[in-house]
């Protein structure tokens, strides 16, 4: 999305565009979908008026930080198209990995009060318990954590020790000093063990990027999705720790 105009742009190769990403936990009452934004965009002059009806806080912040473009999974994917959804889920890790910066919005952490107050809230945030945010934490080279007031709390590098304690993910992985393929399958699986997803299939689909796996999306297959993921891991990664897990 163009933060200056509020319009979508088509970009098949994200490497040619400098952009930021937004990571957040889903809000069933506040999410704007791709089609809803398309409808808003039709109301305004596509030639350049800023679309104030589009969530102004992230787009304004990203623009002020010097980014012309932002990618947000909740509104930049046409989820009613099964083919686009499948492609997007298989490419999700790459979208976050290739972004210049990822903003992680923690809706349940307030910057008001003492440092100890927000650090306690930070450690208990549901953002660290959701399935999809695992790859959104690991994939980007840098993550900025934002409070519910959209105030910066610190970066992934600044808070690496605290994040490691919360998630069990080694600091050298968080800082991209150790490649994922140097980490055992069992260890990578352990990072997801305490996380939850709304759809049972997403327990598997949210881990595709963590294991560099591509799979067909079959919503409705239930727990079989995780079995298919394990089978794909066995085919691709010669690591017997999967059985230990």
Protein backbone atom coordinates (compact mmCIF):
# COMPACT_ATOMS: atom_id res chain seq x y z
CA UNK A 1 0.00 0.00 0.00
CA UNK A 2 1.22 3.48 -0.90
CA UNK A 3 1.25 5.45 2.36
CA UNK A 4 0.97 8.75 0.45
CA UNK A 5 -2.15 7.92 -1.56
CA UNK A 6 -3.67 4.94 0.27
CA UNK A 7 -3.79 3.01 -3.00
CA UNK A 8 -2.54 -0.53 -3.57
CA UNK A 9 0.33 -1.13 -5.94
CA UNK A 10 1.09 -4.42 -7.66
CA UNK A 11 4.63 -5.65 -7.03
CA UNK A 12 5.56 -9.18 -8.02
CA UNK A 13 9.15 -8.82 -6.83
CA UNK A 14 9.39 -7.21 -3.36
CA UNK A 15 13.16 -6.83 -3.77
CA UNK A 16 12.71 -3.81 -6.03
CA UNK A 17 10.63 -1.89 -3.48
CA UNK A 18 11.72 -0.65 -0.05
CA UNK A 19 8.80 -1.19 2.32
CA UNK A 20 7.84 -1.77 5.93
CA UNK A 21 5.49 -4.37 7.39
CA UNK A 22 3.02 -4.32 10.25
CA UNK A 23 2.58 -7.24 12.64
CA UNK A 24 -0.37 -7.38 15.00
CA UNK A 25 -2.85 -9.74 16.60
CA UNK A 26 -6.21 -9.98 14.88
CA UNK A 27 -9.07 -7.73 15.96
CA UNK A 28 -12.36 -9.21 14.73
CA UNK A 29 -14.12 -5.83 15.08
CA UNK A 30 -11.44 -3.54 13.74
CA UNK A 31 -9.77 -5.26 10.77
CA UNK A 32 -10.11 -3.67 7.35
CA UNK A 33 -10.10 -6.26 4.59
CA UNK A 34 -8.72 -5.97 1.08
CA UNK A 35 -12.22 -5.55 -0.40
CA UNK A 36 -13.25 -2.97 2.19
CA UNK A 37 -10.19 -0.91 1.35
CA UNK A 38 -10.92 -1.24 -2.36
CA UNK A 39 -14.38 0.21 -1.70
CA UNK A 40 -12.87 3.11 0.27
CA UNK A 41 -10.37 3.71 -2.52
CA UNK A 42 -13.17 3.98 -5.10
CA UNK A 43 -14.70 6.88 -3.19
CA UNK A 44 -11.55 8.98 -3.43
CA UNK A 45 -9.60 10.40 -6.31
CA UNK A 46 -7.07 7.71 -7.25
CA UNK A 47 -4.80 10.53 -8.37
CA UNK A 48 -3.46 11.30 -4.94
CA UNK A 49 -5.78 12.26 -2.07
CA UNK A 50 -4.77 10.66 1.22
CA UNK A 51 -7.39 8.17 2.34
CA UNK A 52 -8.18 9.14 5.93
CA UNK A 53 -10.67 6.26 6.24
CA UNK A 54 -7.79 3.81 6.03
CA UNK A 55 -6.28 3.19 9.47
CA UNK A 56 -4.28 6.42 9.71
CA UNK A 57 -1.91 5.59 12.55
CA UNK A 58 0.29 2.91 10.95
CA UNK A 59 0.33 4.54 7.52
CA UNK A 60 1.15 7.97 8.99
CA UNK A 61 3.90 6.55 11.22
CA UNK A 62 5.45 4.59 8.36
CA UNK A 63 5.34 7.64 6.10
CA UNK A 64 6.96 9.85 8.75
CA UNK A 65 9.71 7.25 9.16
CA UNK A 66 10.51 7.62 5.47
CA UNK A 67 8.75 4.57 4.03
CA UNK A 68 6.56 5.11 0.99
CA UNK A 69 5.08 1.59 1.13
CA UNK A 70 3.72 -0.72 3.81
CA UNK A 71 2.51 -4.34 3.63
CA UNK A 72 -0.17 -5.48 6.10
CA UNK A 73 -1.43 -9.06 5.90
CA UNK A 74 -4.97 -8.21 7.00
CA UNK A 75 -5.67 -5.88 4.08
CA UNK A 76 -3.05 -6.57 1.38
CA UNK A 77 -4.25 -10.12 0.67
CA UNK A 78 -7.44 -10.93 -1.21
CA UNK A 79 -8.52 -13.73 1.10
CA UNK A 80 -11.63 -14.57 -0.93
CA UNK A 81 -9.35 -15.80 -3.71
CA UNK A 82 -8.14 -19.26 -2.71
CA UNK A 83 -5.22 -19.12 -5.15
CA UNK A 84 -4.03 -15.72 -3.90
CA UNK A 85 -4.46 -16.79 -0.27
CA UNK A 86 -2.40 -19.94 -0.87
CA UNK A 87 0.35 -17.97 -2.62
CA UNK A 88 0.34 -15.32 0.10
CA UNK A 89 0.64 -17.83 2.95
CA UNK A 90 3.51 -19.60 1.21
CA UNK A 91 5.19 -16.22 0.65
CA UNK A 92 4.38 -14.74 4.07
CA UNK A 93 7.79 -15.37 5.61
CA UNK A 94 9.48 -13.75 2.60
CA UNK A 95 7.29 -10.63 2.86
CA UNK A 96 8.46 -10.06 6.43
CA UNK A 97 12.04 -11.16 5.76
CA UNK A 98 12.47 -8.76 2.85
CA UNK A 99 10.91 -5.74 4.57
CA UNK A 100 13.26 -3.01 5.74
CA UNK A 101 11.50 -2.78 9.10
CA UNK A 102 8.60 -4.51 10.84
CA UNK A 103 6.36 -2.64 13.27
CA UNK A 104 4.92 -4.99 15.92
CA UNK A 105 1.80 -3.42 17.41
CA UNK A 106 1.11 -4.73 20.93
CA UNK A 107 -2.53 -3.80 21.59
CA UNK A 108 -2.39 -4.97 25.21
CA UNK A 109 0.77 -3.10 26.27
CA UNK A 110 0.56 0.51 27.46
CA UNK A 111 3.50 2.89 27.48
CA UNK A 112 1.85 4.87 30.27
CA UNK A 113 3.12 4.27 33.79
CA UNK A 114 6.53 3.09 34.88
CA UNK A 115 9.05 1.13 32.85
CA UNK A 116 8.38 -1.88 35.07
CA UNK A 117 4.65 -1.62 34.29
CA UNK A 118 5.04 -1.88 30.52
CA UNK A 119 7.78 -4.50 30.78
CA UNK A 120 5.41 -6.73 32.78
CA UNK A 121 2.67 -6.20 30.21
CA UNK A 122 5.19 -6.79 27.44
CA UNK A 123 6.14 -10.22 28.81
CA UNK A 124 2.46 -11.19 29.03
CA UNK A 125 1.36 -9.80 25.65
CA UNK A 126 -0.79 -12.08 23.52
CA UNK A 127 1.40 -11.11 20.56
CA UNK A 128 3.94 -13.62 21.88
CA UNK A 129 1.29 -16.37 22.09
CA UNK A 130 -0.14 -16.25 18.58
CA UNK A 131 0.98 -18.69 15.89
CA UNK A 132 1.47 -16.29 12.99
CA UNK A 133 3.55 -13.78 14.95
CA UNK A 134 6.35 -16.32 15.41
CA UNK A 135 7.62 -15.85 11.86
CA UNK A 136 6.83 -12.14 12.06
CA UNK A 137 9.26 -11.94 14.97
CA UNK A 138 12.03 -14.04 13.43
CA UNK A 139 11.92 -13.17 9.72
CA UNK A 140 12.54 -9.38 9.69
CA UNK A 141 16.05 -8.10 10.22
CA UNK A 142 14.62 -5.53 12.60
CA UNK A 143 11.38 -5.25 14.57
CA UNK A 144 10.16 -2.20 16.46
CA UNK A 145 7.68 -2.97 19.23
CA UNK A 146 4.90 -0.40 19.60
CA UNK A 147 2.55 0.14 22.54
CA UNK A 148 -1.23 0.50 22.24
CA UNK A 149 -0.56 4.27 22.06
CA UNK A 150 1.74 3.63 19.06
CA UNK A 151 4.75 4.63 21.13
CA UNK A 152 8.04 2.77 20.46
CA UNK A 153 9.01 0.43 23.30
CA UNK A 154 12.28 -0.79 21.80
CA UNK A 155 13.61 -2.94 18.99
CA UNK A 156 14.10 -6.67 18.70
CA UNK A 157 17.83 -6.12 19.19
CA UNK A 158 17.37 -3.83 22.21
CA UNK A 159 14.98 -6.25 23.91
CA UNK A 160 16.58 -9.49 22.70
CA UNK A 161 17.27 -10.80 26.20
CA UNK A 162 13.67 -10.23 27.31
CA UNK A 163 12.26 -11.69 24.08
CA UNK A 164 14.45 -14.78 24.44
CA UNK A 165 13.12 -15.30 27.97
CA UNK A 166 9.52 -14.90 26.79
CA UNK A 167 9.72 -17.04 23.65
CA UNK A 168 12.62 -19.44 24.17
CA UNK A 169 14.17 -18.26 20.89
CA UNK A 170 17.93 -17.79 21.14
CA UNK A 171 19.18 -14.23 20.80
CA UNK A 172 21.51 -15.17 17.97
CA UNK A 173 18.48 -16.38 15.98
CA UNK A 174 16.54 -13.21 16.75
CA UNK A 175 19.50 -11.09 15.63
CA UNK A 176 20.07 -13.20 12.47
CA UNK A 177 23.51 -14.24 13.69
CA UNK A 178 22.50 -17.92 13.43
CA UNK A 179 20.59 -19.18 10.35
CA UNK A 180 17.40 -21.12 10.96
CA UNK A 181 18.70 -24.14 9.08
CA UNK A 182 21.40 -24.46 11.76
CA UNK A 183 18.71 -24.94 14.42
CA UNK A 184 17.27 -28.42 14.99
CA UNK A 185 13.72 -29.21 13.91
CA UNK A 186 12.74 -30.06 17.49
CA UNK A 187 14.04 -26.71 18.72
CA UNK A 188 12.12 -24.80 16.06
CA UNK A 189 8.98 -26.78 16.88
CA UNK A 190 9.38 -25.91 20.56
CA UNK A 191 9.09 -22.21 19.74
CA UNK A 192 5.55 -22.82 18.49
CA UNK A 193 4.46 -25.17 21.26
CA UNK A 194 2.75 -22.55 23.43
CA UNK A 195 1.22 -20.57 20.59
CA UNK A 196 -2.39 -20.59 19.39
CA UNK A 197 -4.14 -20.06 16.06
CA UNK A 198 -7.80 -19.40 15.31
CA UNK A 199 -7.92 -22.05 12.58
CA UNK A 200 -6.47 -25.45 13.47
CA UNK A 201 -4.83 -25.72 10.03
CA UNK A 202 -2.83 -22.57 10.75
CA UNK A 203 -0.86 -24.45 13.40
CA UNK A 204 0.93 -25.92 10.39
CA UNK A 205 0.60 -23.15 7.81
CA UNK A 206 2.09 -20.53 10.16
CA UNK A 207 5.30 -22.60 10.37
CA UNK A 208 5.99 -22.95 6.64
CA UNK A 209 8.57 -20.18 6.57
CA UNK A 210 10.25 -21.41 9.74
CA UNK A 211 11.08 -24.66 7.91
CA UNK A 212 11.34 -23.20 4.38
CA UNK A 213 8.47 -25.42 3.23
CA UNK A 214 5.80 -24.85 0.58
CA UNK A 215 2.42 -26.57 0.87
CA UNK A 216 -1.02 -26.41 -0.70
CA UNK A 217 -3.59 -24.73 1.54
CA UNK A 218 -6.54 -27.00 2.34
CA UNK A 219 -8.68 -25.30 4.94
CA UNK A 220 -11.05 -27.91 6.30
CA UNK A 221 -8.42 -30.66 6.55
CA UNK A 222 -8.01 -30.06 10.29
CA UNK A 223 -5.10 -31.78 12.05
CA UNK A 224 -4.01 -33.45 8.83
CA UNK A 225 -2.34 -30.13 7.94
CA UNK A 226 0.23 -30.64 10.68
CA UNK A 227 0.84 -34.22 9.56
CA UNK A 228 1.46 -32.99 6.01
CA UNK A 229 3.90 -30.41 7.39
CA UNK A 230 5.82 -33.12 9.24
CA UNK A 231 5.96 -35.24 6.08
CA UNK A 232 7.33 -32.31 4.07
CA UNK A 233 9.94 -31.62 6.75
CA UNK A 234 11.06 -35.26 6.64
CA UNK A 235 11.43 -35.07 2.87
CA UNK A 236 13.46 -31.88 2.95
CA UNK A 237 15.42 -31.81 6.22
CA UNK A 238 17.60 -34.76 7.31
CA UNK A 239 16.99 -34.19 11.00
CA UNK A 240 15.76 -37.03 13.19
CA UNK A 241 14.88 -34.68 16.08
CA UNK A 242 11.44 -34.33 14.48
CA UNK A 243 10.64 -37.77 15.93
CA UNK A 244 11.75 -36.65 19.39
CA UNK A 245 9.30 -33.77 19.14
